[in-house]
Amino acid sequence: MQIDLPEKRYYSIGEVAKAFNVNTSLIRFWEKEFDEIKPKKNAKGNRKFTPDDIKNLQLIYHLVKERGFTLEGAKTHLKEEKKKTLSNFDIIQKLEKVKSELLKIKEQL
């Protein structure tokens, strides 16, 4: 899944939910379920997600929504094979970006 977020230091939960096309409640749920997601909170308690949090959310989204892992399966997979999974996920992301660019070029022909 290609996430379209401008480059910033922090993102609000609303921006994150919109980018993933999910409810904010799902983002909060995943935050509780997965130790990898640790947004900072301001004095009001508003969550501020870093680019690293976004990357972890992308990986969790990929495992749960695209590959059909259960939450427990995704947690286990992240603990046991995170480095390998991240590497494969990065490759998939880059290939999707290349595909998108190639499709844009094709449309212009």
PDB file of N, CA and C in Angstrom:
ATOM      1  N   MET A   1       0.841  -1.182   0.000  1.00  0.00           N
ATOM      2  CA  MET A   1       0.000   0.000   0.000  1.00  0.00           C
ATOM      3  C   MET A   1       0.880   1.236   0.000  1.00  0.00           C
ATOM      4  N   GLN A   2       0.606   2.135  -0.895  1.00  0.00           N
ATOM      5  CA  GLN A   2       1.350   3.386  -1.011  1.00  0.00           C
ATOM      6  C   GLN A   2       0.678   4.432  -0.129  1.00  0.00           C
ATOM      7  N   ILE A   3       1.420   4.988   0.817  1.00  0.00           N
ATOM      8  CA  ILE A   3       0.890   6.003   1.717  1.00  0.00           C
ATOM      9  C   ILE A   3       1.328   7.371   1.218  1.00  0.00           C
ATOM     10  N   ASP A   4       0.358   8.266   1.086  1.00  0.00           N
ATOM     11  CA  ASP A   4       0.649   9.607   0.596  1.00  0.00           C
ATOM     12  C   ASP A   4       0.586  10.608   1.741  1.00  0.00           C
ATOM     13  N   LEU A   5       1.721  10.854   2.363  1.00  0.00           N
ATOM     14  CA  LEU A   5       1.809  11.838   3.430  1.00  0.00           C
ATOM     15  C   LEU A   5       2.945  12.803   3.101  1.00  0.00           C
ATOM     16  N   PRO A   6       2.740  14.094   3.336  1.00  0.00           N
ATOM     17  CA  PRO A   6       3.841  15.029   3.128  1.00  0.00           C
ATOM     18  C   PRO A   6       4.942  14.752   4.155  1.00  0.00           C
ATOM     19  N   GLU A   7       6.170  15.119   3.820  1.00  0.00           N
ATOM     20  CA  GLU A   7       7.263  14.875   4.760  1.00  0.00           C
ATOM     21  C   GLU A   7       7.188  15.866   5.903  1.00  0.00           C
ATOM     22  N   LYS A   8       6.972  15.331   7.107  1.00  0.00           N
ATOM     23  CA  LYS A   8       6.889  16.137   8.309  1.00  0.00           C
ATOM     24  C   LYS A   8       7.560  15.380   9.445  1.00  0.00           C
ATOM     25  N   ARG A   9       7.808  16.082  10.525  1.00  0.00           N
ATOM     26  CA  ARG A   9       8.376  15.420  11.697  1.00  0.00           C
ATOM     27  C   ARG A   9       7.313  14.634  12.457  1.00  0.00           C
ATOM     28  N   TYR A  10       6.101  15.190  12.494  1.00  0.00           N
ATOM     29  CA  TYR A  10       5.019  14.557  13.241  1.00  0.00           C
ATOM     30  C   TYR A  10       3.720  14.636  12.449  1.00  0.00           C
ATOM     31  N   TYR A  11       2.898  13.601  12.635  1.00  0.00           N
ATOM     32  CA  TYR A  11       1.596  13.535  11.979  1.00  0.00           C
ATOM     33  C   TYR A  11       0.526  13.324  13.039  1.00  0.00           C
ATOM     34  N   SER A  12      -0.636  13.946  12.844  1.00  0.00           N
ATOM     35  CA  SER A  12      -1.749  13.740  13.776  1.00  0.00           C
ATOM     36  C   SER A  12      -2.397  12.391  13.472  1.00  0.00           C
ATOM     37  N   ILE A  13      -3.169  11.900  14.418  1.00  0.00           N
ATOM     38  CA  ILE A  13      -3.843  10.620  14.217  1.00  0.00           C
ATOM     39  C   ILE A  13      -4.840  10.715  13.064  1.00  0.00           C
ATOM     40  N   GLY A  14      -5.448  11.878  12.883  1.00  0.00           N
ATOM     41  CA  GLY A  14      -6.378  12.075  11.774  1.00  0.00           C
ATOM     42  C   GLY A  14      -5.694  11.949  10.426  1.00  0.00           C
ATOM     43  N   GLU A  15      -4.497  12.552  10.310  1.00  0.00           N
ATOM     44  CA  GLU A  15      -3.736  12.459   9.060  1.00  0.00           C
ATOM     45  C   GLU A  15      -3.349  11.013   8.778  1.00  0.00           C
ATOM     46  N   VAL A  16      -2.936  10.316   9.829  1.00  0.00           N
ATOM     47  CA  VAL A  16      -2.506   8.923   9.675  1.00  0.00           C
ATOM     48  C   VAL A  16      -3.688   8.046   9.258  1.00  0.00           C
ATOM     49  N   ALA A  17      -4.808   8.205   9.937  1.00  0.00           N
ATOM     50  CA  ALA A  17      -5.995   7.402   9.621  1.00  0.00           C
ATOM     51  C   ALA A  17      -6.456   7.662   8.187  1.00  0.00           C
ATOM     52  N   LYS A  18      -6.440   8.917   7.775  1.00  0.00           N
ATOM     53  CA  LYS A  18      -6.857   9.263   6.419  1.00  0.00           C
ATOM     54  C   LYS A  18      -5.906   8.640   5.386  1.00  0.00           C
ATOM     55  N   ALA A  19      -4.599   8.679   5.656  1.00  0.00           N
ATOM     56  CA  ALA A  19      -3.615   8.119   4.730  1.00  0.00           C
ATOM     57  C   ALA A  19      -3.808   6.613   4.556  1.00  0.00           C
ATOM     58  N   PHE A  20      -4.186   5.922   5.632  1.00  0.00           N
ATOM     59  CA  PHE A  20      -4.399   4.477   5.577  1.00  0.00           C
ATOM     60  C   PHE A  20      -5.841   4.115   5.222  1.00  0.00           C
ATOM     61  N   ASN A  21      -6.697   5.131   5.146  1.00  0.00           N
ATOM     62  CA  ASN A  21      -8.112   4.936   4.849  1.00  0.00           C
ATOM     63  C   ASN A  21      -8.778   4.012   5.881  1.00  0.00           C
ATOM     64  N   VAL A  22      -8.482   4.293   7.150  1.00  0.00           N
ATOM     65  CA  VAL A  22      -9.068   3.534   8.260  1.00  0.00           C
ATOM     66  C   VAL A  22      -9.585   4.536   9.303  1.00  0.00           C
ATOM     67  N   ASN A  23     -10.314   4.055  10.287  1.00  0.00           N
ATOM     68  CA  ASN A  23     -10.780   4.897  11.386  1.00  0.00           C
ATOM     69  C   ASN A  23      -9.648   5.160  12.371  1.00  0.00           C
ATOM     70  N   THR A  24      -9.735   6.290  13.063  1.00  0.00           N
ATOM     71  CA  THR A  24      -8.724   6.606  14.075  1.00  0.00           C
ATOM     72  C   THR A  24      -8.739   5.559  15.189  1.00  0.00           C
ATOM     73  N   SER A  25      -9.897   4.959  15.434  1.00  0.00           N
ATOM     74  CA  SER A  25      -9.985   3.944  16.492  1.00  0.00           C
ATOM     75  C   SER A  25      -9.095   2.736  16.180  1.00  0.00           C
ATOM     76  N   LEU A  26      -8.960   2.393  14.898  1.00  0.00           N
ATOM     77  CA  LEU A  26      -8.090   1.276  14.531  1.00  0.00           C
ATOM     78  C   LEU A  26      -6.629   1.623  14.817  1.00  0.00           C
ATOM     79  N   ILE A  27      -6.242   2.861  14.529  1.00  0.00           N
ATOM     80  CA  ILE A  27      -4.869   3.296  14.806  1.00  0.00           C
ATOM     81  C   ILE A  27      -4.603   3.231  16.313  1.00  0.00           C
ATOM     82  N   ARG A  28      -5.548   3.719  17.114  1.00  0.00           N
ATOM     83  CA  ARG A  28      -5.391   3.663  18.581  1.00  0.00           C
ATOM     84  C   ARG A  28      -5.329   2.206  19.056  1.00  0.00           C
ATOM     85  N   PHE A  29      -6.157   1.333  18.469  1.00  0.00           N
ATOM     86  CA  PHE A  29      -6.155  -0.086  18.836  1.00  0.00           C
ATOM     87  C   PHE A  29      -4.798  -0.712  18.527  1.00  0.00           C
ATOM     88  N   TRP A  30      -4.288  -0.464  17.323  1.00  0.00           N
ATOM     89  CA  TRP A  30      -2.984  -1.024  16.960  1.00  0.00           C
ATOM     90  C   TRP A  30      -1.886  -0.478  17.863  1.00  0.00           C
ATOM     91  N   GLU A  31      -2.022   0.772  18.271  1.00  0.00           N
ATOM     92  CA  GLU A  31      -1.029   1.358  19.184  1.00  0.00           C
ATOM     93  C   GLU A  31      -0.969   0.559  20.487  1.00  0.00           C
ATOM     94  N   LYS A  32      -2.140   0.156  20.989  1.00  0.00           N
ATOM     95  CA  LYS A  32      -2.189  -0.635  22.223  1.00  0.00           C
ATOM     96  C   LYS A  32      -1.673  -2.051  22.004  1.00  0.00           C
ATOM     97  N   GLU A  33      -1.943  -2.612  20.839  1.00  0.00           N
ATOM     98  CA  GLU A  33      -1.597  -4.000  20.555  1.00  0.00           C
ATOM     99  C   GLU A  33      -0.126  -4.217  20.182  1.00  0.00           C
ATOM    100  N   PHE A  34       0.473  -3.239  19.508  1.00  0.00           N
ATOM    101  CA  PHE A  34       1.835  -3.411  18.989  1.00  0.00           C
ATOM    102  C   PHE A  34       2.806  -2.458  19.680  1.00  0.00           C
ATOM    103  N   ASP A  35       3.843  -3.044  20.285  1.00  0.00           N
ATOM    104  CA  ASP A  35       4.861  -2.241  20.982  1.00  0.00           C
ATOM    105  C   ASP A  35       5.655  -1.356  20.030  1.00  0.00           C
ATOM    106  N   GLU A  36       5.649  -1.697  18.741  1.00  0.00           N
ATOM    107  CA  GLU A  36       6.435  -0.943  17.756  1.00  0.00           C
ATOM    108  C   GLU A  36       5.875   0.463  17.515  1.00  0.00           C
ATOM    109  N   ILE A  37       4.628   0.687  17.854  1.00  0.00           N
ATOM    110  CA  ILE A  37       3.999   1.990  17.629  1.00  0.00           C
ATOM    111  C   ILE A  37       3.981   2.759  18.943  1.00  0.00           C
ATOM    112  N   LYS A  38       4.758   3.822  18.987  1.00  0.00           N
ATOM    113  CA  LYS A  38       4.868   4.621  20.207  1.00  0.00           C
ATOM    114  C   LYS A  38       4.792   6.108  19.869  1.00  0.00           C
ATOM    115  N   PRO A  39       3.592   6.606  19.538  1.00  0.00           N
ATOM    116  CA  PRO A  39       3.514   8.040  19.214  1.00  0.00           C
ATOM    117  C   PRO A  39       3.772   8.884  20.457  1.00  0.00           C
ATOM    118  N   LYS A  40       4.325  10.047  20.220  1.00  0.00           N
ATOM    119  CA  LYS A  40       4.517  10.997  21.314  1.00  0.00           C
ATOM    120  C   LYS A  40       3.167  11.638  21.587  1.00  0.00           C
ATOM    121  N   LYS A  41       2.962  12.103  22.810  1.00  0.00           N
ATOM    122  CA  LYS A  41       1.715  12.784  23.145  1.00  0.00           C
ATOM    123  C   LYS A  41       2.037  14.160  23.701  1.00  0.00           C
ATOM    124  N   ASN A  42       1.258  15.152  23.279  1.00  0.00           N
ATOM    125  CA  ASN A  42       1.466  16.495  23.802  1.00  0.00           C
ATOM    126  C   ASN A  42       0.734  16.639  25.137  1.00  0.00           C
ATOM    127  N   ALA A  43       0.746  17.847  25.702  1.00  0.00           N
ATOM    128  CA  ALA A  43       0.136  18.079  27.014  1.00  0.00           C
ATOM    129  C   ALA A  43      -1.355  17.733  27.022  1.00  0.00           C
ATOM    130  N   LYS A  44      -2.030  17.914  25.903  1.00  0.00           N
ATOM    131  CA  LYS A  44      -3.454  17.593  25.806  1.00  0.00           C
ATOM    132  C   LYS A  44      -3.696  16.098  25.630  1.00  0.00           C
ATOM    133  N   GLY A  45      -2.646  15.350  25.344  1.00  0.00           N
ATOM    134  CA  GLY A  45      -2.792  13.916  25.108  1.00  0.00           C
ATOM    135  C   GLY A  45      -2.978  13.553  23.646  1.00  0.00           C
ATOM    136  N   ASN A  46      -2.846  14.545  22.759  1.00  0.00           N
ATOM    137  CA  ASN A  46      -2.959  14.271  21.321  1.00  0.00           C
ATOM    138  C   ASN A  46      -1.731  13.509  20.841  1.00  0.00           C
ATOM    139  N   ARG A  47      -1.967  12.494  20.052  1.00  0.00           N
ATOM    140  CA  ARG A  47      -0.873  11.668  19.535  1.00  0.00           C
ATOM    141  C   ARG A  47      -0.182  12.368  18.377  1.00  0.00           C
ATOM    142  N   LYS A  48       1.145  12.257  18.349  1.00  0.00           N
ATOM    143  CA  LYS A  48       1.948  12.774  17.251  1.00  0.00           C
ATOM    144  C   LYS A  48       2.838  11.637  16.764  1.00  0.00           C
ATOM    145  N   PHE A  49       2.535  11.158  15.569  1.00  0.00           N
ATOM    146  CA  PHE A  49       3.240  10.013  15.009  1.00  0.00           C
ATOM    147  C   PHE A  49       4.459  10.469  14.220  1.00  0.00           C
ATOM    148  N   THR A  50       5.575   9.785  14.422  1.00  0.00           N
ATOM    149  CA  THR A  50       6.815  10.088  13.709  1.00  0.00           C
ATOM    150  C   THR A  50       6.854   9.285  12.407  1.00  0.00           C
ATOM    151  N   PRO A  51       7.754   9.639  11.493  1.00  0.00           N
ATOM    152  CA  PRO A  51       7.911   8.822  10.279  1.00  0.00           C
ATOM    153  C   PRO A  51       8.205   7.344  10.593  1.00  0.00           C
ATOM    154  N   ASP A  52       8.927   7.075  11.692  1.00  0.00           N
ATOM    155  CA  ASP A  52       9.187   5.679  12.083  1.00  0.00           C
ATOM    156  C   ASP A  52       7.885   4.973  12.482  1.00  0.00           C
ATOM    157  N   ASP A  53       7.027   5.696  13.202  1.00  0.00           N
ATOM    158  CA  ASP A  53       5.723   5.126  13.558  1.00  0.00           C
ATOM    159  C   ASP A  53       4.931   4.798  12.297  1.00  0.00           C
ATOM    160  N   ILE A  54       4.990   5.694  11.309  1.00  0.00           N
ATOM    161  CA  ILE A  54       4.265   5.489  10.053  1.00  0.00           C
ATOM    162  C   ILE A  54       4.789   4.242   9.349  1.00  0.00           C
ATOM    163  N   LYS A  55       6.108   4.079   9.335  1.00  0.00           N
ATOM    164  CA  LYS A  55       6.712   2.908   8.696  1.00  0.00           C
ATOM    165  C   LYS A  55       6.242   1.620   9.394  1.00  0.00           C
ATOM    166  N   ASN A  56       6.223   1.642  10.721  1.00  0.00           N
ATOM    167  CA  ASN A  56       5.740   0.478  11.470  1.00  0.00           C
ATOM    168  C   ASN A  56       4.264   0.225  11.207  1.00  0.00           C
ATOM    169  N   LEU A  57       3.471   1.288  11.128  1.00  0.00           N
ATOM    170  CA  LEU A  57       2.056   1.131  10.808  1.00  0.00           C
ATOM    171  C   LEU A  57       1.867   0.543   9.408  1.00  0.00           C
ATOM    172  N   GLN A  58       2.694   0.982   8.464  1.00  0.00           N
ATOM    173  CA  GLN A  58       2.612   0.427   7.106  1.00  0.00           C
ATOM    174  C   GLN A  58       2.887  -1.073   7.136  1.00  0.00           C
ATOM    175  N   LEU A  59       3.887  -1.455   7.894  1.00  0.00           N
ATOM    176  CA  LEU A  59       4.244  -2.871   7.982  1.00  0.00           C
ATOM    177  C   LEU A  59       3.111  -3.670   8.637  1.00  0.00           C
ATOM    178  N   ILE A  60       2.546  -3.149   9.702  1.00  0.00           N
ATOM    179  CA  ILE A  60       1.434  -3.825  10.375  1.00  0.00           C
ATOM    180  C   ILE A  60       0.230  -3.901   9.437  1.00  0.00           C
ATOM    181  N   TYR A  61      -0.067  -2.805   8.745  1.00  0.00           N
ATOM    182  CA  TYR A  61      -1.174  -2.788   7.789  1.00  0.00           C
ATOM    183  C   TYR A  61      -0.954  -3.851   6.720  1.00  0.00           C
ATOM    184  N   HIS A  62       0.266  -3.919   6.208  1.00  0.00           N
ATOM    185  CA  HIS A  62       0.608  -4.902   5.177  1.00  0.00           C
ATOM    186  C   HIS A  62       0.365  -6.325   5.685  1.00  0.00           C
ATOM    187  N   LEU A  63       0.851  -6.615   6.887  1.00  0.00           N
ATOM    188  CA  LEU A  63       0.710  -7.968   7.428  1.00  0.00           C
ATOM    189  C   LEU A  63      -0.751  -8.319   7.714  1.00  0.00           C
ATOM    190  N   VAL A  64      -1.480  -7.402   8.353  1.00  0.00           N
ATOM    191  CA  VAL A  64      -2.844  -7.700   8.803  1.00  0.00           C
ATOM    192  C   VAL A  64      -3.865  -7.562   7.676  1.00  0.00           C
ATOM    193  N   LYS A  65      -3.826  -6.450   6.963  1.00  0.00           N
ATOM    194  CA  LYS A  65      -4.871  -6.169   5.977  1.00  0.00           C
ATOM    195  C   LYS A  65      -4.586  -6.786   4.606  1.00  0.00           C
ATOM    196  N   GLU A  66      -3.322  -6.795   4.189  1.00  0.00           N
ATOM    197  CA  GLU A  66      -2.996  -7.275   2.851  1.00  0.00           C
ATOM    198  C   GLU A  66      -2.617  -8.748   2.824  1.00  0.00           C
ATOM    199  N   ARG A  67      -1.925  -9.212   3.859  1.00  0.00           N
ATOM    200  CA  ARG A  67      -1.501 -10.612   3.866  1.00  0.00           C
ATOM    201  C   ARG A  67      -2.401 -11.501   4.713  1.00  0.00           C
ATOM    202  N   GLY A  68      -3.327 -10.900   5.464  1.00  0.00           N
ATOM    203  CA  GLY A  68      -4.310 -11.677   6.213  1.00  0.00           C
ATOM    204  C   GLY A  68      -3.822 -12.278   7.518  1.00  0.00           C
ATOM    205  N   PHE A  69      -2.761 -11.737   8.099  1.00  0.00           N
ATOM    206  CA  PHE A  69      -2.276 -12.233   9.386  1.00  0.00           C
ATOM    207  C   PHE A  69      -3.285 -11.887  10.482  1.00  0.00           C
ATOM    208  N   THR A  70      -3.374 -12.738  11.502  1.00  0.00           N
ATOM    209  CA  THR A  70      -4.106 -12.369  12.706  1.00  0.00           C
ATOM    210  C   THR A  70      -3.222 -11.388  13.472  1.00  0.00           C
ATOM    211  N   LEU A  71      -3.778 -10.711  14.464  1.00  0.00           N
ATOM    212  CA  LEU A  71      -2.950  -9.795  15.257  1.00  0.00           C
ATOM    213  C   LEU A  71      -1.821 -10.553  15.959  1.00  0.00           C
ATOM    214  N   GLU A  72      -2.164 -11.700  16.527  1.00  0.00           N
ATOM    215  CA  GLU A  72      -1.123 -12.497  17.206  1.00  0.00           C
ATOM    216  C   GLU A  72      -0.069 -12.972  16.210  1.00  0.00           C
ATOM    217  N   GLY A  73      -0.518 -13.376  15.031  1.00  0.00           N
ATOM    218  CA  GLY A  73       0.425 -13.805  13.999  1.00  0.00           C
ATOM    219  C   GLY A  73       1.340 -12.666  13.566  1.00  0.00           C
ATOM    220  N   ALA A  74       0.779 -11.479  13.430  1.00  0.00           N
ATOM    221  CA  ALA A  74       1.580 -10.317  13.039  1.00  0.00           C
ATOM    222  C   ALA A  74       2.582  -9.963  14.137  1.00  0.00           C
ATOM    223  N   LYS A  75       2.157 -10.036  15.397  1.00  0.00           N
ATOM    224  CA  LYS A  75       3.074  -9.740  16.514  1.00  0.00           C
ATOM    225  C   LYS A  75       4.243 -10.722  16.517  1.00  0.00           C
ATOM    226  N   THR A  76       3.914 -11.994  16.366  1.00  0.00           N
ATOM    227  CA  THR A  76       4.955 -13.033  16.350  1.00  0.00           C
ATOM    228  C   THR A  76       5.898 -12.815  15.175  1.00  0.00           C
ATOM    229  N   HIS A  77       5.320 -12.559  14.027  1.00  0.00           N
ATOM    230  CA  HIS A  77       6.121 -12.342  12.821  1.00  0.00           C
ATOM    231  C   HIS A  77       7.061 -11.154  13.004  1.00  0.00           C
ATOM    232  N   LEU A  78       6.564 -10.077  13.583  1.00  0.00           N
ATOM    233  CA  LEU A  78       7.395  -8.892  13.795  1.00  0.00           C
ATOM    234  C   LEU A  78       8.530  -9.180  14.767  1.00  0.00           C
ATOM    235  N   LYS A  79       8.239  -9.939  15.824  1.00  0.00           N
ATOM    236  CA  LYS A  79       9.277 -10.240  16.810  1.00  0.00           C
ATOM    237  C   LYS A  79      10.353 -11.154  16.233  1.00  0.00           C
ATOM    238  N   GLU A  80       9.922 -12.165  15.482  1.00  0.00           N
ATOM    239  CA  GLU A  80      10.862 -13.178  15.017  1.00  0.00           C
ATOM    240  C   GLU A  80      11.578 -12.802  13.728  1.00  0.00           C
ATOM    241  N   GLU A  81      10.887 -12.112  12.837  1.00  0.00           N
ATOM    242  CA  GLU A  81      11.479 -11.879  11.520  1.00  0.00           C
ATOM    243  C   GLU A  81      11.381 -10.424  11.075  1.00  0.00           C
ATOM    244  N   LYS A  82      11.472  -9.495  12.016  1.00  0.00           N
ATOM    245  CA  LYS A  82      11.255  -8.095  11.670  1.00  0.00           C
ATOM    246  C   LYS A  82      12.261  -7.589  10.641  1.00  0.00           C
ATOM    247  N   LYS A  83      13.525  -7.910  10.822  1.00  0.00           N
ATOM    248  CA  LYS A  83      14.549  -7.401   9.906  1.00  0.00           C
ATOM    249  C   LYS A  83      14.293  -7.903   8.484  1.00  0.00           C
ATOM    250  N   LYS A  84      14.024  -9.190   8.345  1.00  0.00           N
ATOM    251  CA  LYS A  84      13.754  -9.780   7.024  1.00  0.00           C
ATOM    252  C   LYS A  84      12.480  -9.197   6.429  1.00  0.00           C
ATOM    253  N   THR A  85      11.448  -9.086   7.248  1.00  0.00           N
ATOM    254  CA  THR A  85      10.164  -8.546   6.790  1.00  0.00           C
ATOM    255  C   THR A  85      10.320  -7.108   6.346  1.00  0.00           C
ATOM    256  N   LEU A  86      11.040  -6.298   7.133  1.00  0.00           N
ATOM    257  CA  LEU A  86      11.265  -4.898   6.759  1.00  0.00           C
ATOM    258  C   LEU A  86      12.002  -4.798   5.439  1.00  0.00           C
ATOM    259  N   SER A  87      13.005  -5.641   5.254  1.00  0.00           N
ATOM    260  CA  SER A  87      13.757  -5.632   4.004  1.00  0.00           C
ATOM    261  C   SER A  87      12.849  -5.954   2.821  1.00  0.00           C
ATOM    262  N   ASN A  88      12.061  -7.013   2.951  1.00  0.00           N
ATOM    263  CA  ASN A  88      11.121  -7.382   1.885  1.00  0.00           C
ATOM    264  C   ASN A  88      10.084  -6.300   1.666  1.00  0.00           C
ATOM    265  N   PHE A  89       9.598  -5.706   2.758  1.00  0.00           N
ATOM    266  CA  PHE A  89       8.590  -4.667   2.665  1.00  0.00           C
ATOM    267  C   PHE A  89       9.160  -3.431   1.951  1.00  0.00           C
ATOM    268  N   ASP A  90      10.398  -3.073   2.264  1.00  0.00           N
ATOM    269  CA  ASP A  90      11.046  -1.938   1.590  1.00  0.00           C
ATOM    270  C   ASP A  90      11.151  -2.198   0.091  1.00  0.00           C
ATOM    271  N   ILE A  91      11.508  -3.411  -0.277  1.00  0.00           N
ATOM    272  CA  ILE A  91      11.617  -3.763  -1.695  1.00  0.00           C
ATOM    273  C   ILE A  91      10.249  -3.647  -2.369  1.00  0.00           C
ATOM    274  N   ILE A  92       9.220  -4.156  -1.719  1.00  0.00           N
ATOM    275  CA  ILE A  92       7.862  -4.075  -2.272  1.00  0.00           C
ATOM    276  C   ILE A  92       7.455  -2.619  -2.448  1.00  0.00           C
ATOM    277  N   GLN A  93       7.735  -1.793  -1.445  1.00  0.00           N
ATOM    278  CA  GLN A  93       7.393  -0.369  -1.521  1.00  0.00           C
ATOM    279  C   GLN A  93       8.082   0.305  -2.708  1.00  0.00           C
ATOM    280  N   LYS A  94       9.367   0.022  -2.885  1.00  0.00           N
ATOM    281  CA  LYS A  94      10.118   0.625  -3.988  1.00  0.00           C
ATOM    282  C   LYS A  94       9.581   0.156  -5.341  1.00  0.00           C
ATOM    283  N   LEU A  95       9.257  -1.121  -5.439  1.00  0.00           N
ATOM    284  CA  LEU A  95       8.710  -1.645  -6.688  1.00  0.00           C
ATOM    285  C   LEU A  95       7.344  -1.032  -6.999  1.00  0.00           C
ATOM    286  N   GLU A  96       6.523  -0.838  -5.977  1.00  0.00           N
ATOM    287  CA  GLU A  96       5.218  -0.207  -6.197  1.00  0.00           C
ATOM    288  C   GLU A  96       5.385   1.236  -6.669  1.00  0.00           C
ATOM    289  N   LYS A  97       6.381   1.919  -6.126  1.00  0.00           N
ATOM    290  CA  LYS A  97       6.647   3.297  -6.536  1.00  0.00           C
ATOM    291  C   LYS A  97       7.104   3.334  -7.997  1.00  0.00           C
ATOM    292  N   VAL A  98       7.979   2.408  -8.390  1.00  0.00           N
ATOM    293  CA  VAL A  98       8.453   2.321  -9.769  1.00  0.00           C
ATOM    294  C   VAL A  98       7.282   2.009 -10.694  1.00  0.00           C
ATOM    295  N   LYS A  99       6.433   1.071 -10.283  1.00  0.00           N
ATOM    296  CA  LYS A  99       5.262   0.711 -11.085  1.00  0.00           C
ATOM    297  C   LYS A  99       4.360   1.924 -11.293  1.00  0.00           C
ATOM    298  N   SER A 100       4.147   2.669 -10.236  1.00  0.00           N
ATOM    299  CA  SER A 100       3.310   3.868 -10.316  1.00  0.00           C
ATOM    300  C   SER A 100       3.893   4.878 -11.305  1.00  0.00           C
ATOM    301  N   GLU A 101       5.193   5.085 -11.233  1.00  0.00           N
ATOM    302  CA  GLU A 101       5.859   6.024 -12.149  1.00  0.00           C
ATOM    303  C   GLU A 101       5.762   5.530 -13.593  1.00  0.00           C
ATOM    304  N   LEU A 102       5.944   4.242 -13.796  1.00  0.00           N
ATOM    305  CA  LEU A 102       5.865   3.676 -15.144  1.00  0.00           C
ATOM    306  C   LEU A 102       4.450   3.810 -15.712  1.00  0.00           C
ATOM    307  N   LEU A 103       3.445   3.623 -14.869  1.00  0.00           N
ATOM    308  CA  LEU A 103       2.064   3.783 -15.323  1.00  0.00           C
ATOM    309  C   LEU A 103       1.774   5.239 -15.705  1.00  0.00           C
ATOM    310  N   LYS A 104       2.351   6.171 -14.966  1.00  0.00           N
ATOM    311  CA  LYS A 104       2.188   7.590 -15.306  1.00  0.00           C
ATOM    312  C   LYS A 104       2.819   7.892 -16.662  1.00  0.00           C
ATOM    313  N   ILE A 105       4.002   7.337 -16.888  1.00  0.00           N
ATOM    314  CA  ILE A 105       4.692   7.527 -18.173  1.00  0.00           C
ATOM    315  C   ILE A 105       3.870   6.920 -19.304  1.00  0.00           C
ATOM    316  N   LYS A 106       3.331   5.720 -19.062  1.00  0.00           N
ATOM    317  CA  LYS A 106       2.521   5.032 -20.079  1.00  0.00           C
ATOM    318  C   LYS A 106       1.313   5.873 -20.459  1.00  0.00           C
ATOM    319  N   GLU A 107       0.669   6.492 -19.465  1.00  0.00           N
ATOM    320  CA  GLU A 107      -0.501   7.325 -19.746  1.00  0.00           C
ATOM    321  C   GLU A 107      -0.155   8.550 -20.598  1.00  0.00           C
ATOM    322  N   GLN A 108       1.069   9.037 -20.466  1.00  0.00           N
ATOM    323  CA  GLN A 108       1.489  10.222 -21.206  1.00  0.00           C
ATOM    324  C   GLN A 108       1.851   9.913 -22.657  1.00  0.00           C
ATOM    325  N   LEU A 109       2.041   8.640 -22.976  1.00  0.00           N
ATOM    326  CA  LEU A 109       2.408   8.255 -24.335  1.00  0.00           C
ATOM    327  C   LEU A 109       1.241   8.289 -25.265  1.00  0.00           C
TER     328      LEU A 109
END
